[in-house]
Amino acid sequence: MKSRILVLFFTGLMFFSPGLLAKTAVIAAYQGEFDNLMDALQGFELEKVESINGAKFYLGTAHDQELVVFQSGIGLVNAAMTLQLALDHFEIERILFSGVAGGIDTSLQKGDLAIASDWIYTEFGAKFSEDPEQPGQYRVPAFMHDYIGTAHMGGFFPYPKAALQEGLEEPQRMPSFPTDPQLLSLAEEIASSIELVNAHGEPAKILTGIPGGSGLAFNDDASYAEFLREEWGIAAVDMESAALAHVAWSNKIPILQVRAISDLVGNENPNEFYEFKSVAELNAGRFVDQLIQKLD
């Protein structure tokens, strides 16, 4: 009887021990991205599925790498919440993301890839009324002068988000949250050799080392896209990456996010996203598969 109890006890410890088959987190935002990511992961062997707060985490291996694959959910809050949940339950050493984005860089076509050097919260800031006594000027309160810069679109003035990290005595204002330089270097190596086809049947272009932006809203506003491009040189926009990069920075975990262009911001076809997202989803998944193959 004693030996049976010990066996059950240690089995329980093994089941609840964090870190089993979870060295690399591989994330997609929604079901379509997730399905195409799983299709692209060559030889993925599922070990088990864990459900935590309703989120499902698929633990397994591919290319001799221990993975936990999951959906973050759409939007900044969902992305931050789900990634932190994963980091709290699994021993994750690095984070990869596979998904789509709206293209802002004028050289990008649908199905091309943008792998950003850093991620900016494009819709974090303040909104002010125009000064009735000074047309074209805005009523910015004095206490805001230390936050905002000269960049603004109408009455909206973006400014850096304050963030905490172990070792900091107070929050640090972050103009952007970085991609891991070693993972970015690996992505640049893969970009020089991988063969992907965009939605036009041409070799997919892969931009690396340029800023990306994330906001609260699906963005198909051409004038806003021009503002983002001119002020920050942003190549692509989405609704999760800045939050994921923020959480990774706070936890000191390396992250790299692969975004393929599903639609061009400000295009004349309002259905472009749904018509071309599958091509983008699969291209992003194939690139991430190559990354996993080359991980140490």
C-alpha atoms as a PDB file:
ATOM      1  CA  MET A   1       0.000   0.000   0.000  1.00  0.00           C
ATOM      2  CA  LYS A   2       2.808   2.437   0.886  1.00  0.00           C
ATOM      3  CA  SER A   3       4.534   1.888  -2.456  1.00  0.00           C
ATOM      4  CA  ARG A   4       1.302   2.520  -4.339  1.00  0.00           C
ATOM      5  CA  ILE A   5       0.792   5.805  -2.491  1.00  0.00           C
ATOM      6  CA  LEU A   6       4.354   6.911  -3.284  1.00  0.00           C
ATOM      7  CA  VAL A   7       3.885   6.132  -6.965  1.00  0.00           C
ATOM      8  CA  LEU A   8       0.720   8.198  -7.123  1.00  0.00           C
ATOM      9  CA  PHE A   9       2.383  11.034  -5.225  1.00  0.00           C
ATOM     10  CA  PHE A  10       5.346  11.267  -7.554  1.00  0.00           C
ATOM     11  CA  THR A  11       3.105  10.910 -10.595  1.00  0.00           C
ATOM     12  CA  GLY A  12       1.171  13.903  -9.347  1.00  0.00           C
ATOM     13  CA  LEU A  13       4.363  15.879  -8.926  1.00  0.00           C
ATOM     14  CA  MET A  14       5.389  15.105 -12.481  1.00  0.00           C
ATOM     15  CA  PHE A  15       1.988  16.065 -13.863  1.00  0.00           C
ATOM     16  CA  PHE A  16       1.886  19.441 -12.122  1.00  0.00           C
ATOM     17  CA  SER A  17       5.559  20.290 -12.478  1.00  0.00           C
ATOM     18  CA  PRO A  18       6.011  23.354 -14.699  1.00  0.00           C
ATOM     19  CA  GLY A  19       8.282  23.253 -17.718  1.00  0.00           C
ATOM     20  CA  LEU A  20       7.410  19.873 -19.208  1.00  0.00           C
ATOM     21  CA  LEU A  21       7.789  20.103 -23.004  1.00  0.00           C
ATOM     22  CA  ALA A  22       7.591  23.887 -22.972  1.00  0.00           C
ATOM     23  CA  LYS A  23      10.976  25.428 -23.740  1.00  0.00           C
ATOM     24  CA  THR A  24       9.673  27.444 -26.713  1.00  0.00           C
ATOM     25  CA  ALA A  25       6.278  29.144 -26.797  1.00  0.00           C
ATOM     26  CA  VAL A  26       4.804  29.339 -30.295  1.00  0.00           C
ATOM     27  CA  ILE A  27       1.807  31.650 -30.507  1.00  0.00           C
ATOM     28  CA  ALA A  28      -0.920  32.576 -32.982  1.00  0.00           C
ATOM     29  CA  ALA A  29      -3.661  35.098 -32.291  1.00  0.00           C
ATOM     30  CA  TYR A  30      -6.781  33.371 -33.655  1.00  0.00           C
ATOM     31  CA  GLN A  31      -8.004  30.064 -35.087  1.00  0.00           C
ATOM     32  CA  GLY A  32      -6.986  30.633 -38.727  1.00  0.00           C
ATOM     33  CA  GLU A  33      -3.436  31.598 -37.767  1.00  0.00           C
ATOM     34  CA  PHE A  34      -3.270  28.668 -35.374  1.00  0.00           C
ATOM     35  CA  ASP A  35      -4.526  26.110 -37.949  1.00  0.00           C
ATOM     36  CA  ASN A  36      -2.048  27.236 -40.600  1.00  0.00           C
ATOM     37  CA  LEU A  37       0.761  27.327 -38.045  1.00  0.00           C
ATOM     38  CA  MET A  38       0.020  23.728 -37.055  1.00  0.00           C
ATOM     39  CA  ASP A  39      -0.083  22.740 -40.735  1.00  0.00           C
ATOM     40  CA  ALA A  40       3.327  24.349 -41.239  1.00  0.00           C
ATOM     41  CA  LEU A  41       4.982  22.750 -38.205  1.00  0.00           C
ATOM     42  CA  GLN A  42       6.676  19.723 -39.739  1.00  0.00           C
ATOM     43  CA  GLY A  43       6.589  16.578 -37.633  1.00  0.00           C
ATOM     44  CA  PHE A  44       4.842  18.107 -34.637  1.00  0.00           C
ATOM     45  CA  GLU A  45       4.131  15.363 -32.107  1.00  0.00           C
ATOM     46  CA  LEU A  46       1.445  16.294 -29.619  1.00  0.00           C
ATOM     47  CA  GLU A  47       2.044  15.014 -26.090  1.00  0.00           C
ATOM     48  CA  LYS A  48      -0.909  16.547 -24.279  1.00  0.00           C
ATOM     49  CA  VAL A  49      -3.284  19.499 -24.136  1.00  0.00           C
ATOM     50  CA  GLU A  50      -3.656  21.553 -20.961  1.00  0.00           C
ATOM     51  CA  SER A  51      -6.523  23.973 -20.393  1.00  0.00           C
ATOM     52  CA  ILE A  52      -5.905  26.953 -18.095  1.00  0.00           C
ATOM     53  CA  ASN A  53      -8.597  29.579 -17.582  1.00  0.00           C
ATOM     54  CA  GLY A  54     -10.212  28.330 -20.783  1.00  0.00           C
ATOM     55  CA  ALA A  55      -7.059  28.729 -22.900  1.00  0.00           C
ATOM     56  CA  LYS A  56      -5.738  25.527 -24.474  1.00  0.00           C
ATOM     57  CA  PHE A  57      -2.000  24.862 -24.512  1.00  0.00           C
ATOM     58  CA  TYR A  58      -0.713  22.175 -26.899  1.00  0.00           C
ATOM     59  CA  LEU A  59       2.497  20.635 -25.579  1.00  0.00           C
ATOM     60  CA  GLY A  60       4.687  18.559 -27.859  1.00  0.00           C
ATOM     61  CA  THR A  61       7.845  18.432 -29.931  1.00  0.00           C
ATOM     62  CA  ALA A  62       8.961  19.390 -33.426  1.00  0.00           C
ATOM     63  CA  HIS A  63      12.500  19.324 -34.834  1.00  0.00           C
ATOM     64  CA  ASP A  64      13.735  18.029 -31.449  1.00  0.00           C
ATOM     65  CA  GLN A  65      12.426  21.186 -29.767  1.00  0.00           C
ATOM     66  CA  GLU A  66      10.038  21.165 -26.819  1.00  0.00           C
ATOM     67  CA  LEU A  67       7.096  23.428 -27.645  1.00  0.00           C
ATOM     68  CA  VAL A  68       3.931  24.832 -26.155  1.00  0.00           C
ATOM     69  CA  VAL A  69       1.655  26.108 -28.925  1.00  0.00           C
ATOM     70  CA  PHE A  70      -1.391  28.245 -28.199  1.00  0.00           C
ATOM     71  CA  GLN A  71      -3.673  31.078 -29.275  1.00  0.00           C
ATOM     72  CA  SER A  72      -3.259  34.426 -27.569  1.00  0.00           C
ATOM     73  CA  GLY A  73      -6.640  35.727 -28.596  1.00  0.00           C
ATOM     74  CA  ILE A  74      -7.169  38.890 -30.644  1.00  0.00           C
ATOM     75  CA  GLY A  75      -6.255  42.241 -29.113  1.00  0.00           C
ATOM     76  CA  LEU A  76      -3.650  43.730 -26.806  1.00  0.00           C
ATOM     77  CA  VAL A  77      -5.257  42.708 -23.512  1.00  0.00           C
ATOM     78  CA  ASN A  78      -5.961  39.118 -24.602  1.00  0.00           C
ATOM     79  CA  ALA A  79      -2.403  38.761 -25.906  1.00  0.00           C
ATOM     80  CA  ALA A  80      -0.775  40.073 -22.727  1.00  0.00           C
ATOM     81  CA  MET A  81      -3.027  38.066 -20.434  1.00  0.00           C
ATOM     82  CA  THR A  82      -2.575  34.748 -22.238  1.00  0.00           C
ATOM     83  CA  LEU A  83       1.193  35.053 -22.640  1.00  0.00           C
ATOM     84  CA  GLN A  84       1.665  35.907 -18.963  1.00  0.00           C
ATOM     85  CA  LEU A  85      -0.558  32.927 -18.102  1.00  0.00           C
ATOM     86  CA  ALA A  86       1.733  30.676 -20.148  1.00  0.00           C
ATOM     87  CA  LEU A  87       4.890  32.118 -18.583  1.00  0.00           C
ATOM     88  CA  ASP A  88       3.456  31.535 -15.121  1.00  0.00           C
ATOM     89  CA  HIS A  89       2.677  27.862 -15.830  1.00  0.00           C
ATOM     90  CA  PHE A  90       5.492  26.672 -18.109  1.00  0.00           C
ATOM     91  CA  GLU A  91       9.261  27.087 -18.124  1.00  0.00           C
ATOM     92  CA  ILE A  92       9.501  29.058 -21.346  1.00  0.00           C
ATOM     93  CA  GLU A  93      12.917  30.103 -22.628  1.00  0.00           C
ATOM     94  CA  ARG A  94      11.889  31.928 -25.810  1.00  0.00           C
ATOM     95  CA  ILE A  95       8.746  33.132 -27.584  1.00  0.00           C
ATOM     96  CA  LEU A  96       7.871  32.958 -31.286  1.00  0.00           C
ATOM     97  CA  PHE A  97       4.742  34.381 -32.869  1.00  0.00           C
ATOM     98  CA  SER A  98       3.200  33.463 -36.220  1.00  0.00           C
ATOM     99  CA  GLY A  99       0.478  35.613 -37.706  1.00  0.00           C
ATOM    100  CA  VAL A 100      -0.738  38.303 -40.080  1.00  0.00           C
ATOM    101  CA  ALA A 101      -0.610  42.086 -40.236  1.00  0.00           C
ATOM    102  CA  GLY A 102      -1.754  45.044 -42.273  1.00  0.00           C
ATOM    103  CA  GLY A 103       0.929  46.340 -44.608  1.00  0.00           C
ATOM    104  CA  ILE A 104       2.035  49.978 -44.399  1.00  0.00           C
ATOM    105  CA  ASP A 105       5.443  49.875 -46.099  1.00  0.00           C
ATOM    106  CA  THR A 106       4.689  50.624 -49.745  1.00  0.00           C
ATOM    107  CA  SER A 107       7.057  47.894 -50.980  1.00  0.00           C
ATOM    108  CA  LEU A 108       5.052  45.110 -49.322  1.00  0.00           C
ATOM    109  CA  GLN A 109       2.480  42.935 -51.067  1.00  0.00           C
ATOM    110  CA  LYS A 110      -0.008  40.458 -49.654  1.00  0.00           C
ATOM    111  CA  GLY A 111       1.807  37.344 -48.471  1.00  0.00           C
ATOM    112  CA  ASP A 112       5.119  39.179 -47.935  1.00  0.00           C
ATOM    113  CA  LEU A 113       6.663  39.116 -44.451  1.00  0.00           C
ATOM    114  CA  ALA A 114       7.586  41.844 -41.971  1.00  0.00           C
ATOM    115  CA  ILE A 115       9.765  40.860 -39.006  1.00  0.00           C
ATOM    116  CA  ALA A 116      10.100  43.901 -36.800  1.00  0.00           C
ATOM    117  CA  SER A 117      13.086  45.041 -34.748  1.00  0.00           C
ATOM    118  CA  ASP A 118      10.752  46.519 -32.134  1.00  0.00           C
ATOM    119  CA  TRP A 119       7.080  47.095 -31.478  1.00  0.00           C
ATOM    120  CA  ILE A 120       5.290  50.367 -30.711  1.00  0.00           C
ATOM    121  CA  TYR A 121       1.918  50.960 -29.048  1.00  0.00           C
ATOM    122  CA  THR A 122       0.531  53.193 -31.786  1.00  0.00           C
ATOM    123  CA  GLU A 123      -2.716  54.113 -30.023  1.00  0.00           C
ATOM    124  CA  PHE A 124      -1.380  54.817 -26.530  1.00  0.00           C
ATOM    125  CA  GLY A 125      -1.308  58.500 -25.685  1.00  0.00           C
ATOM    126  CA  ALA A 126      -3.674  61.408 -25.172  1.00  0.00           C
ATOM    127  CA  LYS A 127      -6.358  63.286 -27.102  1.00  0.00           C
ATOM    128  CA  PHE A 128      -6.787  67.045 -26.820  1.00  0.00           C
ATOM    129  CA  SER A 129      -9.224  69.637 -28.082  1.00  0.00           C
ATOM    130  CA  GLU A 130      -8.126  72.271 -30.554  1.00  0.00           C
ATOM    131  CA  ASP A 131      -7.349  75.644 -28.996  1.00  0.00           C
ATOM    132  CA  PRO A 132     -10.143  77.996 -30.193  1.00  0.00           C
ATOM    133  CA  GLU A 133      -7.793  80.967 -29.916  1.00  0.00           C
ATOM    134  CA  GLN A 134      -4.991  79.312 -31.925  1.00  0.00           C
ATOM    135  CA  PRO A 135      -6.269  77.303 -34.912  1.00  0.00           C
ATOM    136  CA  GLY A 136      -4.128  74.226 -35.553  1.00  0.00           C
ATOM    137  CA  GLN A 137      -2.870  74.222 -31.961  1.00  0.00           C
ATOM    138  CA  TYR A 138      -4.138  71.978 -29.179  1.00  0.00           C
ATOM    139  CA  ARG A 139      -4.847  72.526 -25.510  1.00  0.00           C
ATOM    140  CA  VAL A 140      -2.077  70.405 -24.015  1.00  0.00           C
ATOM    141  CA  PRO A 141      -1.927  70.628 -20.211  1.00  0.00           C
ATOM    142  CA  ALA A 142       1.433  71.493 -18.663  1.00  0.00           C
ATOM    143  CA  PHE A 143       1.809  68.136 -16.878  1.00  0.00           C
ATOM    144  CA  MET A 144       1.690  66.372 -20.258  1.00  0.00           C
ATOM    145  CA  HIS A 145       4.647  68.246 -21.742  1.00  0.00           C
ATOM    146  CA  ASP A 146       7.122  65.711 -20.342  1.00  0.00           C
ATOM    147  CA  TYR A 147       5.228  62.801 -21.954  1.00  0.00           C
ATOM    148  CA  ILE A 148       4.254  63.812 -25.435  1.00  0.00           C
ATOM    149  CA  GLY A 149       6.517  64.634 -28.353  1.00  0.00           C
ATOM    150  CA  THR A 150       5.900  66.589 -31.511  1.00  0.00           C
ATOM    151  CA  ALA A 151       4.265  63.682 -33.330  1.00  0.00           C
ATOM    152  CA  HIS A 152       0.509  63.950 -33.470  1.00  0.00           C
ATOM    153  CA  MET A 153      -2.411  63.319 -35.784  1.00  0.00           C
ATOM    154  CA  GLY A 154      -4.998  65.959 -35.184  1.00  0.00           C
ATOM    155  CA  GLY A 155      -5.643  66.033 -31.464  1.00  0.00           C
ATOM    156  CA  PHE A 156      -4.115  62.615 -30.806  1.00  0.00           C
ATOM    157  CA  PHE A 157      -0.616  62.707 -29.305  1.00  0.00           C
ATOM    158  CA  PRO A 158       1.026  59.303 -28.750  1.00  0.00           C
ATOM    159  CA  TYR A 159       3.602  58.894 -26.013  1.00  0.00           C
ATOM    160  CA  PRO A 160       5.697  56.031 -24.547  1.00  0.00           C
ATOM    161  CA  LYS A 161       4.109  53.511 -22.221  1.00  0.00           C
ATOM    162  CA  ALA A 162       5.585  53.086 -18.738  1.00  0.00           C
ATOM    163  CA  ALA A 163       6.608  49.506 -17.951  1.00  0.00           C
ATOM    164  CA  LEU A 164       8.144  47.563 -15.080  1.00  0.00           C
ATOM    165  CA  GLN A 165      10.926  45.003 -15.145  1.00  0.00           C
ATOM    166  CA  GLU A 166      12.846  43.212 -12.388  1.00  0.00           C
ATOM    167  CA  GLY A 167      15.710  45.421 -11.254  1.00  0.00           C
ATOM    168  CA  LEU A 168      13.989  48.737 -11.998  1.00  0.00           C
ATOM    169  CA  GLU A 169      13.081  50.873  -9.012  1.00  0.00           C
ATOM    170  CA  GLU A 170      10.303  52.625 -10.911  1.00  0.00           C
ATOM    171  CA  PRO A 171       8.477  52.223 -14.220  1.00  0.00           C
ATOM    172  CA  GLN A 172      10.508  53.032 -17.315  1.00  0.00           C
ATOM    173  CA  ARG A 173       8.976  54.853 -20.267  1.00  0.00           C
ATOM    174  CA  MET A 174       9.433  52.638 -23.314  1.00  0.00           C
ATOM    175  CA  PRO A 175       9.098  54.192 -26.787  1.00  0.00           C
ATOM    176  CA  SER A 176       9.026  50.604 -28.089  1.00  0.00           C
ATOM    177  CA  PHE A 177       9.598  47.019 -26.951  1.00  0.00           C
ATOM    178  CA  PRO A 178      12.455  45.130 -28.628  1.00  0.00           C
ATOM    179  CA  THR A 179      12.731  41.920 -30.573  1.00  0.00           C
ATOM    180  CA  ASP A 180      15.549  39.679 -29.328  1.00  0.00           C
ATOM    181  CA  PRO A 181      18.663  40.506 -31.406  1.00  0.00           C
ATOM    182  CA  GLN A 182      19.880  36.897 -31.602  1.00  0.00           C
ATOM    183  CA  LEU A 183      16.507  35.643 -32.810  1.00  0.00           C
ATOM    184  CA  LEU A 184      16.344  38.539 -35.271  1.00  0.00           C
ATOM    185  CA  SER A 185      19.785  37.625 -36.587  1.00  0.00           C
ATOM    186  CA  LEU A 186      18.602  34.035 -37.057  1.00  0.00           C
ATOM    187  CA  ALA A 187      15.500  35.307 -38.888  1.00  0.00           C
ATOM    188  CA  GLU A 188      17.679  37.377 -41.221  1.00  0.00           C
ATOM    189  CA  GLU A 189      19.738  34.264 -41.986  1.00  0.00           C
ATOM    190  CA  ILE A 190      16.588  32.294 -42.836  1.00  0.00           C
ATOM    191  CA  ALA A 191      15.178  35.183 -44.896  1.00  0.00           C
ATOM    192  CA  SER A 192      18.145  34.962 -47.254  1.00  0.00           C
ATOM    193  CA  SER A 193      17.416  31.348 -48.196  1.00  0.00           C
ATOM    194  CA  ILE A 194      13.771  30.424 -47.559  1.00  0.00           C
ATOM    195  CA  GLU A 195      11.492  30.097 -50.591  1.00  0.00           C
ATOM    196  CA  LEU A 196       8.003  31.495 -50.033  1.00  0.00           C
ATOM    197  CA  VAL A 197       5.443  32.700 -52.578  1.00  0.00           C
ATOM    198  CA  ASN A 198       3.210  35.709 -51.956  1.00  0.00           C
ATOM    199  CA  ALA A 199      -0.412  36.127 -53.000  1.00  0.00           C
ATOM    200  CA  HIS A 200       0.636  37.298 -56.486  1.00  0.00           C
ATOM    201  CA  GLY A 201       2.646  34.144 -57.206  1.00  0.00           C
ATOM    202  CA  GLU A 202       5.943  35.991 -56.793  1.00  0.00           C
ATOM    203  CA  PRO A 203       8.799  35.226 -54.373  1.00  0.00           C
ATOM    204  CA  ALA A 204       7.733  36.668 -51.045  1.00  0.00           C
ATOM    205  CA  LYS A 205       9.647  39.704 -49.865  1.00  0.00           C
ATOM    206  CA  ILE A 206      10.860  39.559 -46.260  1.00  0.00           C
ATOM    207  CA  LEU A 207      11.531  42.826 -44.458  1.00  0.00           C
ATOM    208  CA  THR A 208      13.535  42.567 -41.232  1.00  0.00           C
ATOM    209  CA  GLY A 209      14.776  45.073 -38.711  1.00  0.00           C
ATOM    210  CA  ILE A 210      12.037  47.687 -39.168  1.00  0.00           C
ATOM    211  CA  PRO A 211       9.562  48.920 -36.507  1.00  0.00           C
ATOM    212  CA  GLY A 212       6.099  47.430 -36.194  1.00  0.00           C
ATOM    213  CA  GLY A 213       3.030  48.926 -34.576  1.00  0.00           C
ATOM    214  CA  SER A 214       0.076  47.611 -32.587  1.00  0.00           C
ATOM    215  CA  GLY A 215      -3.216  49.264 -31.734  1.00  0.00           C
ATOM    216  CA  LEU A 216      -6.623  48.575 -30.268  1.00  0.00           C
ATOM    217  CA  ALA A 217      -8.478  48.769 -33.567  1.00  0.00           C
ATOM    218  CA  PHE A 218      -8.328  46.964 -36.911  1.00  0.00           C
ATOM    219  CA  ASN A 219      -6.621  49.591 -39.042  1.00  0.00           C
ATOM    220  CA  ASP A 220      -7.663  50.304 -42.627  1.00  0.00           C
ATOM    221  CA  ASP A 221      -7.226  54.080 -42.417  1.00  0.00           C
ATOM    222  CA  ALA A 222      -4.869  55.287 -45.152  1.00  0.00           C
ATOM    223  CA  SER A 223      -4.184  58.670 -43.541  1.00  0.00           C
ATOM    224  CA  TYR A 224      -3.366  57.073 -40.192  1.00  0.00           C
ATOM    225  CA  ALA A 225      -1.104  54.571 -41.923  1.00  0.00           C
ATOM    226  CA  GLU A 226       0.769  57.460 -43.556  1.00  0.00           C
ATOM    227  CA  PHE A 227       1.202  59.093 -40.140  1.00  0.00           C
ATOM    228  CA  LEU A 228       2.656  55.884 -38.671  1.00  0.00           C
ATOM    229  CA  ARG A 229       4.993  55.421 -41.611  1.00  0.00           C
ATOM    230  CA  GLU A 230       6.240  58.994 -41.583  1.00  0.00           C
ATOM    231  CA  GLU A 231       6.699  59.338 -37.823  1.00  0.00           C
ATOM    232  CA  TRP A 232       8.163  55.939 -36.962  1.00  0.00           C
ATOM    233  CA  GLY A 233       8.912  54.138 -40.218  1.00  0.00           C
ATOM    234  CA  ILE A 234       6.457  51.395 -39.258  1.00  0.00           C
ATOM    235  CA  ALA A 235       6.126  48.678 -41.905  1.00  0.00           C
ATOM    236  CA  ALA A 236       3.147  46.697 -40.598  1.00  0.00           C
ATOM    237  CA  VAL A 237       0.435  46.958 -37.961  1.00  0.00           C
ATOM    238  CA  ASP A 238      -1.515  44.464 -35.883  1.00  0.00           C
ATOM    239  CA  MET A 239      -3.445  44.169 -32.623  1.00  0.00           C
ATOM    240  CA  GLU A 240      -1.178  41.987 -30.427  1.00  0.00           C
ATOM    241  CA  SER A 241       2.570  42.301 -31.024  1.00  0.00           C
ATOM    242  CA  ALA A 242       3.397  45.323 -28.853  1.00  0.00           C
ATOM    243  CA  ALA A 243       1.649  43.714 -25.886  1.00  0.00           C
ATOM    244  CA  LEU A 244       3.443  40.400 -26.441  1.00  0.00           C
ATOM    245  CA  ALA A 245       6.791  42.183 -26.727  1.00  0.00           C
ATOM    246  CA  HIS A 246       5.944  44.181 -23.590  1.00  0.00           C
ATOM    247  CA  VAL A 247       5.258  41.027 -21.554  1.00  0.00           C
ATOM    248  CA  ALA A 248       8.399  39.363 -22.917  1.00  0.00           C
ATOM    249  CA  TRP A 249      10.490  42.429 -21.967  1.00  0.00           C
ATOM    250  CA  SER A 250       9.021  42.544 -18.451  1.00  0.00           C
ATOM    251  CA  ASN A 251       9.803  38.846 -17.953  1.00  0.00           C
ATOM    252  CA  LYS A 252      13.214  39.087 -19.684  1.00  0.00           C
ATOM    253  CA  ILE A 253      12.278  36.366 -22.186  1.00  0.00           C
ATOM    254  CA  PRO A 254      13.567  36.568 -25.805  1.00  0.00           C
ATOM    255  CA  ILE A 255      10.835  37.096 -28.396  1.00  0.00           C
ATOM    256  CA  LEU A 256      10.547  37.265 -32.170  1.00  0.00           C
ATOM    257  CA  GLN A 257       7.318  37.793 -34.088  1.00  0.00           C
ATOM    258  CA  VAL A 258       6.747  36.877 -37.722  1.00  0.00           C
ATOM    259  CA  ARG A 259       3.974  38.823 -39.425  1.00  0.00           C
ATOM    260  CA  ALA A 260       2.868  38.157 -42.989  1.00  0.00           C
ATOM    261  CA  ILE A 261       0.842  40.775 -44.851  1.00  0.00           C
ATOM    262  CA  SER A 262      -2.832  39.851 -45.177  1.00  0.00           C
ATOM    263  CA  ASP A 263      -4.007  43.238 -46.467  1.00  0.00           C
ATOM    264  CA  LEU A 264      -2.650  46.645 -47.383  1.00  0.00           C
ATOM    265  CA  VAL A 265      -3.848  49.409 -45.076  1.00  0.00           C
ATOM    266  CA  GLY A 266      -6.078  51.854 -46.933  1.00  0.00           C
ATOM    267  CA  ASN A 267      -6.685  49.561 -49.903  1.00  0.00           C
ATOM    268  CA  GLU A 268      -9.768  49.929 -52.080  1.00  0.00           C
ATOM    269  CA  ASN A 269     -11.014  46.394 -51.401  1.00  0.00           C
ATOM    270  CA  PRO A 270     -12.726  46.210 -47.987  1.00  0.00           C
ATOM    271  CA  ASN A 271     -12.694  42.383 -48.121  1.00  0.00           C
ATOM    272  CA  GLU A 272      -8.963  42.095 -48.817  1.00  0.00           C
ATOM    273  CA  PHE A 273      -8.124  40.703 -45.369  1.00  0.00           C
ATOM    274  CA  TYR A 274     -10.456  37.721 -45.698  1.00  0.00           C
ATOM    275  CA  GLU A 275      -9.484  37.044 -49.292  1.00  0.00           C
ATOM    276  CA  PHE A 276      -5.740  36.837 -48.626  1.00  0.00           C
ATOM    277  CA  LYS A 277      -5.269  36.018 -44.948  1.00  0.00           C
ATOM    278  CA  SER A 278      -4.790  32.263 -45.532  1.00  0.00           C
ATOM    279  CA  VAL A 279      -1.762  32.870 -47.775  1.00  0.00           C
ATOM    280  CA  ALA A 280      -0.280  35.158 -45.130  1.00  0.00           C
ATOM    281  CA  GLU A 281      -1.065  32.785 -42.261  1.00  0.00           C
ATOM    282  CA  LEU A 282       0.663  29.868 -43.972  1.00  0.00           C
ATOM    283  CA  ASN A 283       3.732  31.883 -45.009  1.00  0.00           C
ATOM    284  CA  ALA A 284       4.201  33.086 -41.439  1.00  0.00           C
ATOM    285  CA  GLY A 285       3.828  29.516 -40.162  1.00  0.00           C
ATOM    286  CA  ARG A 286       6.372  28.173 -42.634  1.00  0.00           C
ATOM    287  CA  PHE A 287       8.897  30.805 -41.607  1.00  0.00           C
ATOM    288  CA  VAL A 288       8.406  29.987 -37.923  1.00  0.00           C
ATOM    289  CA  ASP A 289       8.867  26.286 -38.721  1.00  0.00           C
ATOM    290  CA  GLN A 290      12.244  27.155 -40.233  1.00  0.00           C
ATOM    291  CA  LEU A 291      13.148  29.138 -37.133  1.00  0.00           C
ATOM    292  CA  ILE A 292      12.364  26.205 -34.882  1.00  0.00           C
ATOM    293  CA  GLN A 293      14.532  23.930 -37.012  1.00  0.00           C
ATOM    294  CA  LYS A 294      17.532  26.220 -36.480  1.00  0.00           C
ATOM    295  CA  LEU A 295      17.139  26.803 -32.750  1.00  0.00           C
ATOM    296  CA  ASP A 296      19.956  25.591 -30.490  1.00  0.00           C
END
